[in-house]
Every structure is written in C-alpha cells, then in structure tokens.
N, C-alpha and C. Protein backbone atom coordinates (compact mmCIF):
# COMPACT_ATOMS: atom_id res chain seq x y z
N MET A 1 125.49 155.85 59.38
CA MET A 1 125.85 157.17 59.35
C MET A 1 125.65 157.79 57.98
N SER A 2 124.99 158.86 57.87
CA SER A 2 124.63 159.52 56.55
C SER A 2 125.63 160.54 56.51
N THR A 3 126.08 160.88 55.19
CA THR A 3 126.98 161.99 54.78
C THR A 3 126.19 163.00 54.06
N ALA A 4 126.51 164.22 54.40
CA ALA A 4 125.74 165.41 53.65
C ALA A 4 126.45 165.41 52.25
N PRO A 5 125.56 165.87 51.25
CA PRO A 5 126.11 165.96 50.03
C PRO A 5 127.11 167.11 49.86
N ALA A 6 127.98 166.94 49.06
CA ALA A 6 129.04 168.06 48.82
C ALA A 6 128.29 169.37 48.49
N PRO A 7 128.76 170.56 49.20
CA PRO A 7 128.08 171.86 48.81
C PRO A 7 128.28 172.16 47.30
N GLN A 8 127.18 172.71 46.68
CA GLN A 8 127.14 172.92 45.32
C GLN A 8 127.53 174.43 45.11
N PRO A 9 128.14 174.57 43.88
CA PRO A 9 128.47 175.93 43.70
C PRO A 9 127.19 176.80 43.47
N THR A 10 127.31 178.07 43.86
CA THR A 10 126.27 179.02 43.69
C THR A 10 125.90 179.20 42.21
N LEU A 11 124.69 179.03 41.86
CA LEU A 11 124.17 179.03 40.44
C LEU A 11 123.88 180.51 40.02
N SER A 12 124.11 180.74 38.78
CA SER A 12 123.85 182.15 38.21
C SER A 12 122.28 182.34 38.19
N LYS A 13 121.81 183.49 38.29
CA LYS A 13 120.32 183.80 38.47
C LYS A 13 119.53 183.13 37.44
N PRO A 14 119.80 183.09 36.12
CA PRO A 14 119.01 182.35 35.13
C PRO A 14 118.79 180.89 35.36
N GLN A 15 119.95 180.25 35.76
CA GLN A 15 119.90 178.78 36.21
C GLN A 15 119.05 178.53 37.37
N THR A 16 119.08 179.42 38.33
CA THR A 16 118.30 179.40 39.56
C THR A 16 116.90 179.57 39.13
N ARG A 17 116.57 180.51 38.32
CA ARG A 17 115.24 180.70 37.84
C ARG A 17 114.55 179.51 37.29
N ILE A 18 115.39 178.78 36.39
CA ILE A 18 114.97 177.48 35.71
C ILE A 18 114.68 176.52 36.77
N LEU A 19 115.47 176.33 37.78
CA LEU A 19 115.24 175.30 38.75
C LEU A 19 113.98 175.58 39.51
N VAL A 20 113.79 176.93 39.89
CA VAL A 20 112.63 177.33 40.72
C VAL A 20 111.41 177.06 39.73
N GLN A 21 111.39 177.40 38.51
CA GLN A 21 110.27 177.06 37.59
C GLN A 21 109.91 175.60 37.60
N ALA A 22 110.95 174.77 37.59
CA ALA A 22 110.64 173.40 37.55
C ALA A 22 110.00 172.85 38.77
N ALA A 23 110.54 173.39 39.92
CA ALA A 23 109.82 172.98 41.23
C ALA A 23 108.47 173.53 41.21
N ALA A 24 108.26 174.70 40.77
CA ALA A 24 106.90 175.24 40.80
C ALA A 24 105.97 174.46 39.91
N ALA A 25 106.47 173.98 38.81
CA ALA A 25 105.65 173.17 37.96
C ALA A 25 105.17 171.85 38.72
N VAL A 26 106.13 171.32 39.39
CA VAL A 26 105.78 170.10 40.35
C VAL A 26 104.76 170.42 41.20
N CYS A 27 104.69 171.52 41.99
CA CYS A 27 103.71 171.88 42.86
C CYS A 27 102.38 172.08 42.21
N GLU A 28 102.38 172.57 41.04
CA GLU A 28 101.08 172.66 40.27
C GLU A 28 100.61 171.27 39.81
N GLU A 29 101.65 170.30 39.42
CA GLU A 29 101.11 169.01 39.03
C GLU A 29 100.55 168.19 40.13
N LYS A 30 101.16 168.39 41.28
CA LYS A 30 100.71 167.62 42.50
C LYS A 30 99.59 168.36 43.17
N LYS A 31 98.97 169.15 42.59
CA LYS A 31 97.89 169.97 43.12
C LYS A 31 98.22 170.74 44.47
N GLY A 32 99.41 171.38 44.49
CA GLY A 32 99.70 172.20 45.64
C GLY A 32 98.85 173.46 45.46
N GLN A 33 98.46 173.97 46.61
CA GLN A 33 97.54 175.07 46.77
C GLN A 33 98.24 176.47 47.06
N ASP A 34 97.70 177.40 46.37
CA ASP A 34 98.28 178.79 46.53
C ASP A 34 99.71 178.88 46.48
N THR A 35 100.27 178.31 45.35
CA THR A 35 101.87 178.29 45.14
C THR A 35 102.25 179.74 44.85
N ARG A 36 103.24 180.10 45.57
CA ARG A 36 103.80 181.54 45.34
C ARG A 36 105.33 181.46 45.29
N ILE A 37 105.88 182.24 44.50
CA ILE A 37 107.44 182.40 44.39
C ILE A 37 107.71 183.73 45.03
N LEU A 38 108.42 183.72 46.02
CA LEU A 38 108.95 185.05 46.59
C LEU A 38 110.36 185.40 46.17
N GLU A 39 110.54 186.47 45.42
CA GLU A 39 111.77 186.91 44.86
C GLU A 39 112.37 187.76 46.12
N LEU A 40 113.27 187.25 46.80
CA LEU A 40 113.83 187.96 47.98
C LEU A 40 114.74 189.21 47.63
N ASP A 41 114.61 190.16 48.49
CA ASP A 41 115.52 191.38 48.31
C ASP A 41 116.99 190.88 48.71
N PRO A 42 117.89 191.14 47.89
CA PRO A 42 119.17 190.79 48.17
C PRO A 42 119.87 191.25 49.49
N ILE A 43 119.50 192.51 49.83
CA ILE A 43 120.01 193.13 51.16
C ILE A 43 119.28 192.43 52.24
N ASP A 44 118.05 192.12 52.06
CA ASP A 44 117.29 191.60 53.18
C ASP A 44 117.50 190.04 53.47
N SER A 45 117.63 189.32 52.34
CA SER A 45 117.62 187.95 52.55
C SER A 45 119.30 187.43 52.76
N GLY A 46 120.21 187.77 51.93
CA GLY A 46 121.61 187.45 52.16
C GLY A 46 121.85 186.01 52.06
N LEU A 47 120.93 185.17 52.02
CA LEU A 47 121.21 183.75 51.99
C LEU A 47 120.67 183.06 50.71
N SER A 48 119.49 183.45 50.29
CA SER A 48 118.84 182.80 49.20
C SER A 48 118.17 183.95 48.24
N ASP A 49 117.96 183.48 46.99
CA ASP A 49 117.37 184.50 46.08
C ASP A 49 115.76 184.28 46.10
N PHE A 50 115.34 183.10 46.19
CA PHE A 50 113.96 182.77 46.03
C PHE A 50 113.47 181.92 47.10
N PHE A 51 112.09 182.04 47.53
CA PHE A 51 111.31 181.02 48.30
C PHE A 51 110.32 180.53 47.55
N LEU A 52 110.12 179.36 47.34
CA LEU A 52 108.86 178.77 46.84
C LEU A 52 108.07 178.21 47.85
N VAL A 53 106.81 178.75 47.96
CA VAL A 53 105.87 178.29 48.97
C VAL A 53 104.63 177.77 48.41
N THR A 54 104.25 176.60 48.86
CA THR A 54 102.95 175.98 48.51
C THR A 54 102.25 175.19 49.67
N SER A 55 101.06 175.02 49.57
CA SER A 55 100.28 174.33 50.59
C SER A 55 99.87 172.93 50.11
N ALA A 56 99.74 172.05 51.06
CA ALA A 56 99.15 170.84 50.75
C ALA A 56 97.95 170.53 51.80
N ALA A 57 97.10 169.65 51.34
CA ALA A 57 95.77 169.37 52.06
C ALA A 57 96.22 168.52 53.24
N ASN A 58 97.14 167.54 53.19
CA ASN A 58 97.43 166.74 54.31
C ASN A 58 98.94 166.23 54.06
N ASP A 59 99.38 165.56 55.14
CA ASP A 59 100.77 165.13 55.20
C ASP A 59 101.19 164.29 53.99
N ARG A 60 100.35 163.32 53.44
CA ARG A 60 100.79 162.58 52.33
C ARG A 60 101.04 163.38 51.20
N GLN A 61 100.16 164.35 50.93
CA GLN A 61 100.35 165.19 49.75
C GLN A 61 101.55 166.13 49.97
N ALA A 62 101.90 166.52 51.19
CA ALA A 62 103.13 167.44 51.34
C ALA A 62 104.31 166.57 51.06
N ILE A 63 104.47 165.29 51.50
CA ILE A 63 105.50 164.43 51.22
C ILE A 63 105.50 164.10 49.71
N ALA A 64 104.46 163.87 49.11
CA ALA A 64 104.53 163.64 47.65
C ALA A 64 105.03 164.80 46.90
N ILE A 65 104.66 165.96 47.22
CA ILE A 65 105.26 167.12 46.54
C ILE A 65 106.68 167.36 46.84
N ALA A 66 107.19 167.21 48.02
CA ALA A 66 108.64 167.43 48.28
C ALA A 66 109.41 166.31 47.68
N ASP A 67 108.91 165.06 47.69
CA ASP A 67 109.61 163.85 46.95
C ASP A 67 109.74 164.11 45.46
N GLU A 68 108.62 164.65 44.88
CA GLU A 68 108.70 164.83 43.45
C GLU A 68 109.73 165.97 43.06
N ILE A 69 109.64 167.08 43.87
CA ILE A 69 110.52 168.24 43.53
C ILE A 69 112.01 167.66 43.68
N GLU A 70 112.34 166.92 44.77
CA GLU A 70 113.66 166.45 44.92
C GLU A 70 114.02 165.57 43.71
N LEU A 71 113.18 164.50 43.38
CA LEU A 71 113.48 163.65 42.30
C LEU A 71 113.55 164.36 40.90
N ARG A 72 112.70 165.22 40.67
CA ARG A 72 112.79 165.93 39.26
C ARG A 72 114.11 166.76 39.19
N LEU A 73 114.34 167.46 40.20
CA LEU A 73 115.61 168.38 40.16
C LEU A 73 116.78 167.57 40.05
N LYS A 74 116.88 166.37 40.78
CA LYS A 74 117.99 165.54 40.63
C LYS A 74 118.08 164.86 39.44
N ARG A 75 116.95 164.42 38.85
CA ARG A 75 117.05 163.61 37.52
C ARG A 75 117.30 164.62 36.33
N ASN A 76 116.57 165.70 36.28
CA ASN A 76 116.71 166.58 35.08
C ASN A 76 117.91 167.52 35.17
N PHE A 77 118.35 167.90 36.38
CA PHE A 77 119.27 169.02 36.53
C PHE A 77 120.58 168.53 37.21
N GLY A 78 120.56 167.31 37.92
CA GLY A 78 121.67 166.90 38.75
C GLY A 78 121.95 167.78 39.85
N VAL A 79 120.87 168.41 40.41
CA VAL A 79 120.97 169.12 41.68
C VAL A 79 120.26 168.52 42.87
N TYR A 80 121.00 168.46 43.88
CA TYR A 80 120.48 167.89 45.24
C TYR A 80 120.27 169.02 46.26
N PRO A 81 119.39 168.73 47.10
CA PRO A 81 119.22 169.82 48.13
C PRO A 81 120.33 169.75 49.08
N HIS A 82 120.75 170.99 49.57
CA HIS A 82 121.71 171.07 50.60
C HIS A 82 121.34 170.32 51.99
N SER A 83 119.97 170.57 52.18
CA SER A 83 119.48 169.97 53.42
C SER A 83 117.88 169.80 53.31
N VAL A 84 117.37 168.74 53.95
CA VAL A 84 115.91 168.66 53.89
C VAL A 84 115.42 168.44 55.36
N GLU A 85 114.35 169.16 55.64
CA GLU A 85 113.91 169.26 57.16
C GLU A 85 112.42 169.01 57.11
N GLY A 86 111.92 168.39 58.17
CA GLY A 86 110.46 168.28 58.36
C GLY A 86 109.67 167.12 57.61
N ARG A 87 110.50 166.33 56.97
CA ARG A 87 109.84 165.14 56.24
C ARG A 87 109.06 164.23 57.03
N ARG A 88 109.52 163.92 58.25
CA ARG A 88 108.96 163.07 59.10
C ARG A 88 107.62 163.50 59.64
N ASN A 89 107.64 164.69 60.05
CA ASN A 89 106.40 165.40 60.57
C ASN A 89 105.36 165.73 59.42
N ALA A 90 106.03 166.26 58.35
CA ALA A 90 105.30 166.68 57.13
C ALA A 90 104.38 167.85 57.21
N ALA A 91 104.46 168.56 58.45
CA ALA A 91 103.55 169.81 58.54
C ALA A 91 104.20 170.87 57.91
N TRP A 92 105.57 170.86 57.81
CA TRP A 92 106.22 172.01 57.10
C TRP A 92 107.61 171.29 56.58
N ILE A 93 107.67 171.06 55.35
CA ILE A 93 108.80 170.30 54.76
C ILE A 93 109.63 171.61 53.99
N LEU A 94 110.95 171.55 54.28
CA LEU A 94 111.76 172.59 53.79
C LEU A 94 112.86 171.88 53.02
N LEU A 95 113.04 172.14 51.71
CA LEU A 95 114.11 171.84 50.94
C LEU A 95 115.02 172.99 50.57
N ASP A 96 116.19 172.84 51.07
CA ASP A 96 117.22 174.03 51.02
C ASP A 96 118.11 173.76 49.84
N TYR A 97 118.11 174.50 48.67
CA TYR A 97 118.77 174.38 47.54
C TYR A 97 119.94 175.52 47.47
N VAL A 98 120.02 176.14 48.54
CA VAL A 98 121.07 177.31 48.87
C VAL A 98 120.49 178.59 48.10
N ASP A 99 120.32 178.49 46.69
CA ASP A 99 119.94 179.77 45.94
C ASP A 99 118.36 179.81 46.11
N PHE A 100 117.76 178.98 46.29
CA PHE A 100 116.29 178.99 46.55
C PHE A 100 115.90 177.78 47.55
N VAL A 101 114.83 178.10 48.30
CA VAL A 101 114.40 177.27 49.31
C VAL A 101 112.87 176.93 48.97
N VAL A 102 112.50 175.70 49.12
CA VAL A 102 111.13 175.20 48.87
C VAL A 102 110.46 175.00 50.26
N HIS A 103 109.25 175.55 50.41
CA HIS A 103 108.61 175.37 51.65
C HIS A 103 107.30 174.66 51.32
N VAL A 104 107.06 173.46 51.78
CA VAL A 104 105.80 172.78 51.54
C VAL A 104 105.06 172.77 52.81
N PHE A 105 103.93 173.46 53.05
CA PHE A 105 103.23 173.63 54.23
C PHE A 105 101.97 172.72 54.24
N GLN A 106 101.42 172.33 55.34
CA GLN A 106 100.08 171.96 55.39
C GLN A 106 99.27 173.27 55.63
N ALA A 107 98.11 173.44 55.11
CA ALA A 107 97.45 174.78 55.11
C ALA A 107 97.43 175.46 56.47
N GLU A 108 97.07 174.75 57.50
CA GLU A 108 96.95 175.41 58.73
C GLU A 108 98.36 175.88 59.34
N ARG A 109 99.45 175.21 59.01
CA ARG A 109 100.78 175.64 59.37
C ARG A 109 101.17 176.85 58.66
N ARG A 110 100.81 176.82 57.44
CA ARG A 110 101.29 178.03 56.47
C ARG A 110 100.43 179.26 57.10
N ALA A 111 99.20 178.97 57.41
CA ALA A 111 98.47 180.36 58.02
C ALA A 111 99.21 180.77 59.26
N PHE A 112 99.61 179.82 60.07
CA PHE A 112 100.09 180.11 61.42
C PHE A 112 101.47 180.90 61.21
N TYR A 113 102.45 180.32 60.46
CA TYR A 113 103.65 180.97 60.24
C TYR A 113 103.66 182.23 59.29
N ASP A 114 102.83 182.21 58.29
CA ASP A 114 102.64 183.32 57.49
C ASP A 114 103.95 183.80 56.96
N ILE A 115 104.64 182.93 56.25
CA ILE A 115 105.82 183.30 55.82
C ILE A 115 106.03 184.55 54.80
N GLU A 116 104.84 184.71 54.03
CA GLU A 116 104.82 185.74 53.03
C GLU A 116 104.93 187.25 53.80
N ARG A 117 104.18 187.18 55.11
CA ARG A 117 104.15 188.39 55.86
C ARG A 117 105.55 188.63 56.44
N LEU A 118 106.25 187.62 56.78
CA LEU A 118 107.58 187.74 57.45
C LEU A 118 108.60 188.38 56.50
N ARG A 119 108.40 188.16 55.19
CA ARG A 119 109.23 188.56 53.93
C ARG A 119 108.53 189.76 53.31
N LYS A 120 108.31 190.82 54.03
CA LYS A 120 107.45 191.81 53.36
C LYS A 120 108.23 192.49 52.14
N SER A 121 109.61 192.51 52.30
CA SER A 121 110.32 193.16 51.14
C SER A 121 110.36 192.33 49.84
N ALA A 122 109.95 190.99 49.99
CA ALA A 122 110.08 190.14 48.85
C ALA A 122 108.89 190.38 47.89
N ARG A 123 109.20 190.16 46.52
CA ARG A 123 108.23 190.30 45.52
C ARG A 123 107.46 189.02 45.26
N PRO A 124 106.19 188.97 45.54
CA PRO A 124 105.56 187.64 45.45
C PRO A 124 105.06 187.48 43.88
N LEU A 125 105.23 186.24 43.34
CA LEU A 125 104.92 186.17 42.04
C LEU A 125 104.12 184.79 41.92
N THR A 126 103.22 184.65 41.01
CA THR A 126 102.55 183.40 40.76
C THR A 126 103.53 182.51 39.87
N PRO A 127 103.34 181.29 39.72
CA PRO A 127 104.18 180.46 38.74
C PRO A 127 104.06 181.03 37.34
N ALA A 128 102.81 181.43 36.94
CA ALA A 128 102.71 181.91 35.60
C ALA A 128 103.43 183.21 35.45
N GLU A 129 103.31 184.24 36.29
CA GLU A 129 104.11 185.51 36.25
C GLU A 129 105.60 185.10 36.15
N PHE A 130 105.95 184.30 36.91
CA PHE A 130 107.40 183.87 37.06
C PHE A 130 107.95 183.22 35.76
N ASP A 131 107.12 182.41 35.13
CA ASP A 131 107.40 181.81 33.84
C ASP A 131 107.50 182.82 32.76
N ALA A 132 106.51 183.85 32.88
CA ALA A 132 106.55 184.90 31.81
C ALA A 132 107.90 185.79 31.95
N GLU A 133 108.25 186.02 33.13
CA GLU A 133 109.46 186.96 33.40
C GLU A 133 110.69 186.03 32.92
N LEU A 134 110.69 184.74 33.12
CA LEU A 134 111.89 183.91 32.73
C LEU A 134 111.95 183.84 31.28
N LYS A 135 110.95 183.63 30.59
CA LYS A 135 110.92 183.63 29.08
C LYS A 135 111.48 184.94 28.61
N ALA A 136 111.06 185.98 29.11
CA ALA A 136 111.44 187.27 28.61
C ALA A 136 112.94 187.52 28.90
N THR A 137 113.39 187.04 30.05
CA THR A 137 114.81 187.19 30.35
C THR A 137 115.74 186.40 29.41
N LEU A 138 115.27 185.04 29.26
CA LEU A 138 116.04 184.32 28.22
C LEU A 138 115.93 184.68 26.93
N ALA A 139 114.84 185.25 26.47
CA ALA A 139 114.75 185.80 25.11
C ALA A 139 115.65 187.03 24.91
N GLU A 140 115.88 187.83 26.00
CA GLU A 140 116.73 188.95 25.91
C GLU A 140 118.19 188.61 26.01
N LYS A 141 118.58 187.59 26.63
CA LYS A 141 119.82 187.08 26.62
C LYS A 141 120.16 186.47 25.35
N THR A 142 119.22 185.74 24.68
CA THR A 142 119.52 185.21 23.39
C THR A 142 119.70 186.45 22.19
N ARG A 143 118.92 187.33 22.38
CA ARG A 143 119.08 188.52 21.42
C ARG A 143 120.51 189.18 21.63
N ALA A 144 120.77 189.30 22.85
CA ALA A 144 122.18 189.90 23.10
C ALA A 144 123.39 189.10 22.66
N ALA A 145 123.19 187.63 22.77
CA ALA A 145 124.18 186.82 22.38
C ALA A 145 124.34 186.98 20.79
N ARG A 146 123.21 186.88 20.13
CA ARG A 146 123.13 186.86 18.71
C ARG A 146 123.84 188.16 18.15
N LYS A 147 123.49 189.29 18.91
CA LYS A 147 123.99 190.54 18.43
C LYS A 147 125.54 190.61 18.56
N ASN A 148 125.97 190.06 19.74
CA ASN A 148 127.47 190.06 19.90
C ASN A 148 128.08 189.02 19.00
N ALA A 149 127.54 188.11 18.55
CA ALA A 149 128.02 187.08 17.50
C ALA A 149 128.18 187.67 16.24
N ALA A 150 127.24 188.60 15.91
CA ALA A 150 127.25 189.30 14.61
C ALA A 150 128.32 190.39 14.56
N LYS A 151 128.66 190.84 15.61
CA LYS A 151 129.89 191.86 15.52
C LYS A 151 131.13 191.32 15.24
N PRO A 152 132.15 192.07 14.41
CA PRO A 152 133.37 191.50 14.08
C PRO A 152 134.15 191.60 15.35
N ARG A 153 135.05 190.67 15.64
CA ARG A 153 135.87 190.63 16.82
C ARG A 153 136.99 191.75 16.71
N SER A 154 137.22 192.36 17.61
CA SER A 154 138.31 193.49 17.55
C SER A 154 139.68 192.88 17.60
N GLY A 155 140.57 193.40 16.81
CA GLY A 155 141.90 192.92 16.82
C GLY A 155 142.09 191.80 15.88
N SER A 156 141.05 191.30 15.20
CA SER A 156 141.31 190.27 14.20
C SER A 156 141.40 190.92 12.77
N ALA A 157 142.41 190.38 11.95
CA ALA A 157 142.58 190.92 10.69
C ALA A 157 141.43 190.69 9.77
N LYS A 158 141.00 191.60 9.07
CA LYS A 158 139.90 191.50 8.13
C LYS A 158 140.49 191.02 6.71
N SER A 159 139.92 189.89 6.38
CA SER A 159 140.44 189.40 4.98
C SER A 159 139.32 189.75 3.99
N THR A 160 139.85 190.29 2.87
CA THR A 160 138.97 190.78 1.70
C THR A 160 139.00 189.54 0.76
N PRO A 161 137.78 189.12 0.43
CA PRO A 161 137.60 188.00 -0.43
C PRO A 161 138.08 188.43 -1.77
N VAL A 162 138.69 187.53 -2.47
CA VAL A 162 139.03 187.71 -4.01
C VAL A 162 138.07 187.31 -4.69
N LYS A 163 137.65 188.30 -5.68
CA LYS A 163 136.59 187.91 -6.64
C LYS A 163 137.09 187.37 -7.76
N LYS A 164 136.55 186.29 -8.26
CA LYS A 164 136.98 185.60 -9.51
C LYS A 164 136.62 186.33 -10.81
N GLY A 165 137.61 186.33 -11.69
CA GLY A 165 137.29 186.92 -13.10
C GLY A 165 137.76 188.42 -13.08
N LYS A 166 138.27 188.93 -11.90
CA LYS A 166 138.74 190.12 -11.97
C LYS A 166 140.36 190.25 -12.23
N GLU A 167 140.74 191.18 -12.97
CA GLU A 167 142.10 191.16 -13.37
C GLU A 167 142.94 192.15 -12.39
N THR A 168 144.06 191.74 -12.02
CA THR A 168 144.81 192.54 -11.05
C THR A 168 145.39 193.78 -11.99
N LYS A 169 145.61 194.86 -11.24
CA LYS A 169 145.76 196.09 -11.87
C LYS A 169 147.41 196.28 -11.85
N ARG A 170 148.23 195.51 -11.25
CA ARG A 170 149.73 195.65 -11.40
C ARG A 170 150.21 194.74 -12.42
N PRO A 171 150.88 195.34 -13.49
CA PRO A 171 151.35 194.60 -14.70
C PRO A 171 152.32 193.67 -14.27
N ALA A 172 153.30 193.99 -13.44
CA ALA A 172 154.31 192.91 -13.13
C ALA A 172 153.75 191.65 -12.52
N LEU A 173 152.81 191.93 -11.64
CA LEU A 173 152.10 190.74 -10.94
C LEU A 173 151.27 190.05 -11.95
N LYS A 174 150.70 190.72 -12.90
CA LYS A 174 149.91 189.90 -13.92
C LYS A 174 150.77 189.20 -14.82
N ALA A 175 151.99 189.76 -15.23
CA ALA A 175 152.77 189.00 -16.07
C ALA A 175 153.41 187.79 -15.34
N LYS A 176 153.75 187.84 -14.01
CA LYS A 176 154.18 186.66 -13.24
C LYS A 176 153.26 185.68 -13.14
N MET A 177 152.04 186.08 -12.89
CA MET A 177 150.89 185.03 -12.69
C MET A 177 150.58 184.37 -14.14
N ALA A 178 150.82 185.09 -15.21
CA ALA A 178 150.44 184.53 -16.54
C ALA A 178 151.66 183.56 -16.98
N SER A 179 152.84 183.81 -16.66
CA SER A 179 153.91 183.11 -17.18
C SER A 179 153.91 181.71 -16.46
N PRO A 180 154.26 180.51 -17.18
CA PRO A 180 154.32 179.25 -16.63
C PRO A 180 155.52 179.15 -15.65
N ARG A 181 155.32 178.27 -14.67
CA ARG A 181 156.59 178.04 -13.92
C ARG A 181 157.51 177.40 -14.63
N LYS A 182 158.75 177.57 -14.22
CA LYS A 182 160.02 177.13 -14.82
C LYS A 182 160.54 175.96 -14.00
N THR A 183 161.04 174.91 -14.60
CA THR A 183 161.53 173.69 -13.99
C THR A 183 162.91 174.16 -13.56
N PRO A 184 163.51 173.41 -12.49
CA PRO A 184 164.81 173.85 -12.15
C PRO A 184 165.91 173.53 -13.21
N ALA A 185 165.65 172.76 -14.14
CA ALA A 185 166.66 172.64 -15.24
C ALA A 185 166.60 173.81 -16.15
N GLN A 186 165.35 174.40 -16.46
CA GLN A 186 165.29 175.54 -17.22
C GLN A 186 165.92 176.81 -16.59
N SER A 187 165.78 176.98 -15.14
CA SER A 187 166.36 177.90 -14.49
C SER A 187 167.95 177.90 -14.52
N ALA A 188 168.38 176.69 -14.47
CA ALA A 188 169.83 176.53 -14.55
C ALA A 188 170.36 176.87 -15.88
N LYS A 189 169.72 176.50 -17.08
CA LYS A 189 170.10 177.03 -18.28
C LYS A 189 170.16 178.46 -18.41
N LYS A 190 169.18 179.16 -17.92
CA LYS A 190 169.13 180.58 -18.01
C LYS A 190 170.26 181.21 -17.30
N LYS A 191 170.80 180.59 -16.07
CA LYS A 191 171.89 181.14 -15.28
C LYS A 191 173.15 180.92 -16.17
N ASP A 192 173.19 179.75 -16.92
CA ASP A 192 174.29 179.27 -17.67
C ASP A 192 174.57 180.44 -18.71
N ARG A 193 173.48 180.73 -19.42
CA ARG A 193 173.57 181.75 -20.51
C ARG A 193 174.04 183.15 -20.03
N ARG A 194 173.71 183.60 -18.91
CA ARG A 194 174.06 184.87 -18.20
C ARG A 194 175.53 184.92 -18.00
N THR A 195 176.13 183.81 -17.53
CA THR A 195 177.60 183.81 -17.20
C THR A 195 178.40 183.90 -18.22
N ARG A 196 178.07 183.42 -19.57
CA ARG A 196 178.83 183.49 -20.66
C ARG A 196 179.10 184.75 -21.26
C-alpha cells in the first residue's frame, strides 16, 4: 500500500519559475523536442501557473525525461510531485507539482491532444525566453531589495557619530570632562570641610 506524499505548500511565483526552469533544462538535456512553457492565465487555469510540455521520440525517452525531472527536483530543491500519471504506458506522462504541471508526450500523442491549442489564453514561451524573463525578474527583485536595505528604517533613532579632536562648546561639560575623577575618600574630605 503506497501513501501519497504530504501536500506541499503553494510556492511563490519566483520559486515556481526556478523549478520550471530546472525541469525545462532537463528536457533540453534529454533531447526533448519542441519544449514549450505555457504561462497560464490565472483566471482560466485556477489550478496551476505553468504547463511544461515536451515531446519524446519513444516511450524509453519519455520515461527517461520524466524520471530525470523528478530526480533533479527532488535532489536539488526537495520538491516531490503531488501525483504522477501515465508512466506505465509512457505515451503521455504527467508530473503534477501543483503550481506547475509537466507533460511529457510521445510526438503522435502530443499532436492528437494538442494541449497548446486547448490553452489558447496561455502565453507560450521557449525555455530560452523563459530563462531571460526569470533572470530579469530576479535582477529586479535584487535591485529592489538593495534599495530597501539602503533606506534608513523609520522610527529608529539616528545617532550622530562623535568626531575625534573636536572640542565641546559647553564650558561646564568641558571642565567636567577635563577634571580627573575623585576617589570616594577625596569626596568625603570635601563634604567634611563644608560642614565645618
């Protein structure tokens, strides 16, 4: 009896994009054909942010691509698929990671189902275009974080650094700072003289 993995928390969009990019890189390495990333319209999809679609020449290649995607995401990111379907048949293997879904088709099955046509509102991207967008997004977030770190925090007291070598303008403070500290015995003698 197999148990399903615990549901994973929904990832933020940049994290999801990094995972999709890693899965697309596997497709390219394993010679997947016509790899496309469909950025789904949030209103239309409701379930997932991205579809990653690739084609394989035969069932062995389809299984190799799906296995490597699953292994790489598990090893590098600690992410497991919520469900896997079609591995036995290998004509259409589906890896559901909740925020994105990987579809590994054999070429004739992909042509038959034509998943890109079914998701007309989705924005199709090649892995190279997706990679460029991800880098731009991460660079923008880095710039924003640096800008926010440079701003002083509101509500915190500003401390003015004391410059060495400058004399204080208040004479009483200057005299107090210049006089040596008195020992308790010296203070007691002074009090004694006052009381006489």
